[in-house]
Amino acid sequence: MLPLRVATYNIHKGVAAELFGFRRAATLHELRRRLHELKADLIFLQEVQGRHDRHARHIKHWPSESQEVFLSHGPQLRPVFESAYGRNANYLHGHHGNAFLSRFPILRRDHLDVSDHVLERRGVLHCVVGIDGVEVHCFVIHLGLLGSSRERQVAALISWIRDVVPTSGPLLIAGDFNDWRHRLSDTLRQALDVHECWSTSQAGSRAARTFPSLFPWLQLDRIYQRGFAVEQVKVLQGSAWSRLSDHAPLVADLRLLAGVP
C-alpha cells in the first residue's frame, strides 16, 4: 500500500493582523516554509488569493505571482508541487478561492461554482492526480456559513462526484466545511461511501478541533477518504501556526489500498 500524506489548511488569504489589527502583514513566506516542512504529498488550501492589488501596493514582501504558485515553490524557489487554483470570489482589486498542491502529476482539473447567494461566493476545485498509475480524485472544499447553504452545496458536490468519479475509485474530499453542527458526515458517507479521517483514527471524537487556531475548539476542517487506510491524523497547534491563520492545519497519513481501480 502506497503511503500518502494529505493536509488541508485555510490560510486566511495569506495575511495576519499586527498591532491590535490596525496593520496587516503577509504571512506567506513563513507559511510556505512551514508547508514544505510538512512533507505532504497533497495539500488542499482555502482562502487563497489569486490576485489582490491593494495588498500588493501596501504590504511588504507581497508576492508578484498568485499565492498557490508562490507556495508551490520550495525555499530555493524551485518548483516542488504542481498547483491548481479555482476562483470563487471576484472583487475590484482581485479574487480568491481554493487551491491544490500536488507532488504527483495533475492530470485534469475543473471547478464548480456552488454559490448559494450573492453575498457568499463558494466553489469546489476538482483535481485528478496520477499516483502509481492510479487516478485519485481530489476535491477542495470551502462551504458556506449558513446550514441550508451547506446542505445545498453538499448535494451539488455529491451529484458532481457521481457524474465524474468511478463508483469505487479512490477519492479525497478536504477543506473547510464550516460544519460545526455535524450535519454533513452521514450524508457524505451514505451517498459516496467516504469516511472522515479523524473519526476513523480517533475513537470517540467526530472531527478535529481546528478553529480558532490559538485555542482550537470548533470542528470545521475535515478530510474524507475512500480507497485509503488511515494511519494517523493530527492538528498542528502552537504559536508557530496560530500566527499564520485563524485555522489550524489538519494532516493525515494515509495508504492507498492495493487493488483500487
Protein backbone atom coordinates (compact mmCIF):
# COMPACT_ATOMS: atom_id res chain seq x y z
CA MET A 1 0.00 0.00 0.00
CA LEU A 2 1.43 3.35 -1.05
CA PRO A 3 1.89 5.90 1.81
CA LEU A 4 0.45 9.36 1.27
CA ARG A 5 0.45 12.47 3.46
CA VAL A 6 -2.51 14.80 2.96
CA ALA A 7 -3.03 18.23 4.53
CA THR A 8 -5.85 20.76 4.48
CA TYR A 9 -5.44 24.37 5.54
CA ASN A 10 -7.48 27.57 5.39
CA ILE A 11 -4.64 30.11 5.03
CA HIS A 12 -6.73 33.25 5.75
CA LYS A 13 -5.65 34.84 2.44
CA GLY A 14 -2.01 34.90 3.48
CA VAL A 15 -2.48 37.93 5.74
CA ALA A 16 -2.23 38.40 9.50
CA ALA A 17 -3.12 41.41 11.61
CA GLU A 18 -0.46 43.18 13.68
CA LEU A 19 -0.66 45.99 16.25
CA PHE A 20 -4.14 45.07 17.51
CA GLY A 21 -5.44 44.60 13.99
CA PHE A 22 -4.51 48.06 12.67
CA ARG A 23 -1.69 46.85 10.44
CA ARG A 24 -1.55 43.86 8.15
CA ALA A 25 1.45 41.74 7.21
CA ALA A 26 1.97 38.97 4.71
CA THR A 27 2.44 35.54 6.29
CA LEU A 28 3.17 33.78 3.01
CA HIS A 29 6.94 33.43 3.32
CA GLU A 30 6.75 31.69 6.68
CA LEU A 31 3.64 29.82 5.61
CA ARG A 32 5.47 28.46 2.57
CA ARG A 33 8.35 27.29 4.72
CA ARG A 34 6.01 25.60 7.19
CA LEU A 35 4.01 23.88 4.47
CA HIS A 36 7.13 22.44 2.87
CA GLU A 37 8.34 21.20 6.25
CA LEU A 38 5.19 19.05 6.47
CA LYS A 39 6.48 16.78 3.68
CA ALA A 40 2.88 16.46 2.49
CA ASP A 41 2.14 14.93 -0.90
CA LEU A 42 -1.24 16.63 -1.43
CA ILE A 43 -2.28 19.96 0.13
CA PHE A 44 -5.85 21.29 -0.01
CA LEU A 45 -5.93 25.07 0.54
CA GLN A 46 -8.77 27.51 1.11
CA GLU A 47 -8.92 31.34 1.09
CA VAL A 48 -6.07 31.61 -1.38
CA GLN A 49 -5.53 34.98 -3.08
CA GLY A 50 -5.18 34.72 -6.83
CA ARG A 51 -4.71 38.49 -7.00
CA HIS A 52 -5.00 41.43 -4.60
CA ASP A 53 -3.84 44.76 -5.99
CA ARG A 54 -4.25 46.67 -2.71
CA HIS A 55 -2.16 44.23 -0.72
CA ALA A 56 0.44 44.22 -3.49
CA ARG A 57 0.77 48.01 -3.11
CA HIS A 58 0.66 48.31 0.67
CA ILE A 59 2.00 45.09 2.24
CA LYS A 60 5.73 44.45 2.23
CA HIS A 61 7.02 41.32 0.51
CA TRP A 62 3.73 40.58 -1.22
CA PRO A 63 4.48 38.02 -3.98
CA SER A 64 4.15 39.02 -7.61
CA GLU A 65 2.53 35.72 -8.59
CA SER A 66 -0.68 34.03 -7.49
CA GLN A 67 -0.40 32.62 -3.96
CA GLU A 68 -0.74 28.97 -4.97
CA VAL A 69 2.14 29.38 -7.44
CA PHE A 70 4.24 31.12 -4.76
CA LEU A 71 3.51 28.33 -2.27
CA SER A 72 4.30 25.59 -4.79
CA HIS A 73 7.97 26.64 -4.93
CA GLY A 74 10.41 25.47 -2.29
CA PRO A 75 12.71 27.68 -0.20
CA GLN A 76 15.27 27.63 -3.05
CA LEU A 77 12.49 28.79 -5.39
CA ARG A 78 12.47 25.53 -7.31
CA PRO A 79 9.06 24.03 -8.16
CA VAL A 80 8.19 21.28 -5.69
CA PHE A 81 4.45 20.93 -6.29
CA GLU A 82 2.19 21.15 -9.26
CA SER A 83 -0.57 23.63 -8.47
CA ALA A 84 -4.17 24.39 -9.40
CA TYR A 85 -6.47 27.27 -8.46
CA GLY A 86 -10.24 27.65 -8.51
CA ARG A 87 -11.53 31.23 -8.33
CA ASN A 88 -14.51 31.66 -6.01
CA ALA A 89 -14.92 35.37 -5.26
CA ASN A 90 -14.19 38.34 -7.54
CA TYR A 91 -13.82 41.97 -6.46
CA LEU A 92 -12.46 45.18 -7.94
CA HIS A 93 -8.94 44.68 -6.64
CA GLY A 94 -8.60 40.92 -7.10
CA HIS A 95 -10.03 37.50 -6.34
CA HIS A 96 -9.59 34.48 -4.05
CA GLY A 97 -10.60 30.84 -3.99
CA ASN A 98 -9.42 27.28 -3.36
CA ALA A 99 -6.07 25.82 -4.39
CA PHE A 100 -4.41 22.44 -4.60
CA LEU A 101 -0.74 21.45 -4.41
CA SER A 102 0.43 18.02 -5.54
CA ARG A 103 3.77 16.22 -5.70
CA PHE A 104 2.14 13.96 -8.28
CA PRO A 105 1.10 14.96 -11.81
CA ILE A 106 -2.24 16.78 -12.00
CA LEU A 107 -3.92 15.05 -14.93
CA ARG A 108 -7.13 17.07 -15.03
CA ARG A 109 -8.68 19.97 -13.18
CA ASP A 110 -12.12 21.55 -13.02
CA HIS A 111 -14.10 23.96 -10.89
CA LEU A 112 -17.76 24.09 -9.85
CA ASP A 113 -19.48 27.25 -8.62
CA VAL A 114 -21.70 26.23 -5.69
CA SER A 115 -22.54 29.76 -4.51
CA ASP A 116 -25.86 29.81 -2.70
CA HIS A 117 -26.42 33.57 -2.61
CA VAL A 118 -24.70 36.73 -3.88
CA LEU A 119 -23.17 37.69 -0.53
CA GLU A 120 -21.13 34.49 -0.17
CA ARG A 121 -19.27 33.13 -3.19
CA ARG A 122 -18.23 29.49 -2.88
CA GLY A 123 -16.73 26.91 -5.21
CA VAL A 124 -15.27 23.41 -5.33
CA LEU A 125 -11.95 22.67 -7.04
CA HIS A 126 -11.57 19.18 -8.55
CA CYS A 127 -8.18 17.75 -9.49
CA VAL A 128 -7.30 14.27 -10.71
CA VAL A 129 -3.78 13.16 -9.80
CA GLY A 130 -1.90 10.15 -11.12
CA ILE A 131 -0.34 8.07 -8.34
CA ASP A 132 1.49 4.93 -9.50
CA GLY A 133 -0.89 4.53 -12.41
CA VAL A 134 -3.99 5.12 -10.27
CA GLU A 135 -6.22 8.15 -10.77
CA VAL A 136 -7.12 9.75 -7.43
CA HIS A 137 -9.92 12.32 -7.47
CA CYS A 138 -9.36 15.27 -5.10
CA PHE A 139 -11.98 17.88 -4.21
CA VAL A 140 -11.05 21.09 -2.35
CA ILE A 141 -14.00 22.41 -0.34
CA HIS A 142 -14.94 25.67 1.37
CA LEU A 143 -18.62 25.60 2.28
CA GLY A 144 -20.92 28.43 3.35
CA LEU A 145 -21.69 29.81 6.79
CA LEU A 146 -25.41 29.00 6.67
CA GLY A 147 -26.59 25.45 7.36
CA SER A 148 -29.08 25.48 4.50
CA SER A 149 -26.37 26.68 2.11
CA ARG A 150 -24.04 23.88 3.16
CA GLU A 151 -26.74 21.27 2.60
CA ARG A 152 -27.40 22.50 -0.93
CA GLN A 153 -23.67 22.77 -1.66
CA VAL A 154 -23.04 19.21 -0.50
CA ALA A 155 -25.95 18.00 -2.62
CA ALA A 156 -24.31 19.66 -5.65
CA LEU A 157 -20.96 18.10 -4.71
CA ILE A 158 -22.47 14.62 -4.43
CA SER A 159 -24.17 14.95 -7.80
CA TRP A 160 -20.92 16.11 -9.41
CA ILE A 161 -18.86 13.30 -7.88
CA ARG A 162 -21.37 10.70 -9.04
CA ASP A 163 -21.02 12.07 -12.56
CA VAL A 164 -17.20 12.25 -12.79
CA VAL A 165 -15.73 9.72 -10.34
CA PRO A 166 -15.91 5.93 -10.83
CA THR A 167 -18.13 4.31 -8.20
CA SER A 168 -15.26 2.57 -6.42
CA GLY A 169 -12.49 5.00 -7.42
CA PRO A 170 -10.18 6.46 -4.74
CA LEU A 171 -11.49 9.78 -3.53
CA LEU A 172 -10.35 12.61 -1.22
CA ILE A 173 -12.59 15.49 -0.16
CA ALA A 174 -10.93 18.02 2.14
CA GLY A 175 -11.24 21.59 3.29
CA ASP A 176 -13.19 23.99 5.46
CA PHE A 177 -16.67 22.53 5.79
CA ASN A 178 -17.94 25.01 8.43
CA ASP A 179 -19.95 22.04 9.71
CA TRP A 180 -19.72 22.71 13.44
CA ARG A 181 -23.13 21.10 13.96
CA HIS A 182 -22.06 17.76 12.40
CA ARG A 183 -24.85 17.60 9.84
CA LEU A 184 -22.92 16.54 6.73
CA SER A 185 -20.78 13.48 7.54
CA ASP A 186 -23.63 10.97 7.47
CA THR A 187 -24.90 12.42 4.19
CA LEU A 188 -21.48 12.11 2.55
CA ARG A 189 -20.88 8.62 3.94
CA GLN A 190 -24.22 7.29 2.77
CA ALA A 191 -24.06 8.88 -0.67
CA LEU A 192 -20.38 8.36 -1.52
CA ASP A 193 -19.08 5.69 0.90
CA VAL A 194 -16.46 8.11 2.23
CA HIS A 195 -15.20 8.22 5.81
CA GLU A 196 -13.91 11.15 7.83
CA CYS A 197 -10.26 10.53 8.64
CA TRP A 198 -10.20 11.95 12.17
CA SER A 199 -13.24 9.98 13.36
CA THR A 200 -11.66 6.83 11.90
CA SER A 201 -8.38 7.28 13.78
CA GLN A 202 -9.56 9.00 16.98
CA ALA A 203 -12.05 6.92 18.94
CA GLY A 204 -14.89 8.92 20.46
CA SER A 205 -14.30 12.13 18.52
CA ARG A 206 -16.35 13.04 15.45
CA ALA A 207 -13.95 15.61 13.97
CA ALA A 208 -10.78 17.53 14.73
CA ARG A 209 -10.88 20.88 16.54
CA THR A 210 -9.19 23.36 14.22
CA PHE A 211 -10.72 26.80 14.90
CA PRO A 212 -9.70 29.28 16.19
CA SER A 213 -6.08 28.27 15.78
CA LEU A 214 -4.90 29.89 19.03
CA PHE A 215 -7.30 27.77 21.12
CA PRO A 216 -8.95 25.27 18.73
CA TRP A 217 -12.50 24.45 19.71
CA LEU A 218 -14.77 24.31 16.68
CA GLN A 219 -14.59 21.32 14.34
CA LEU A 220 -14.55 22.97 10.93
CA ASP A 221 -11.86 21.33 8.81
CA ARG A 222 -12.22 17.76 7.55
CA ILE A 223 -10.57 15.15 5.34
CA TYR A 224 -12.87 12.48 3.89
CA GLN A 225 -11.43 9.47 2.07
CA ARG A 226 -12.46 6.44 0.05
CA GLY A 227 -9.99 3.76 -1.01
CA PHE A 228 -7.38 4.52 1.66
CA ALA A 229 -6.28 3.17 5.03
CA VAL A 230 -5.95 5.83 7.72
CA GLU A 231 -2.79 5.59 9.81
CA GLN A 232 -2.62 8.88 11.70
CA VAL A 233 -4.35 12.26 11.80
CA LYS A 234 -3.19 15.32 13.70
CA VAL A 235 -3.97 19.00 14.18
CA LEU A 236 -0.92 21.27 14.10
CA GLN A 237 -1.15 23.69 17.01
CA GLY A 238 1.05 26.21 18.78
CA SER A 239 2.16 29.78 18.18
CA ALA A 240 4.14 28.85 15.07
CA TRP A 241 0.87 28.05 13.32
CA SER A 242 -1.62 30.31 15.12
CA ARG A 243 0.16 33.46 13.93
CA LEU A 244 -0.24 32.37 10.29
CA SER A 245 -4.02 31.82 10.11
CA ASP A 246 -7.17 31.65 12.20
CA HIS A 247 -7.45 27.94 11.29
CA ALA A 248 -5.05 25.18 12.33
CA PRO A 249 -3.84 22.76 9.64
CA LEU A 250 -5.12 19.19 9.61
CA VAL A 251 -2.73 16.46 8.42
CA ALA A 252 -3.50 12.81 7.68
CA ASP A 253 -1.14 9.94 6.90
CA LEU A 254 -2.92 7.52 4.58
CA ARG A 255 -2.13 4.48 2.47
CA LEU A 256 -3.66 3.92 -0.94
CA LEU A 257 -5.17 0.47 -0.80
CA ALA A 258 -3.93 -2.16 -3.22
CA GLY A 259 -6.39 -3.22 -5.88
CA VAL A 260 -8.29 0.08 -6.17
CA PRO A 261 -9.14 0.89 -9.77
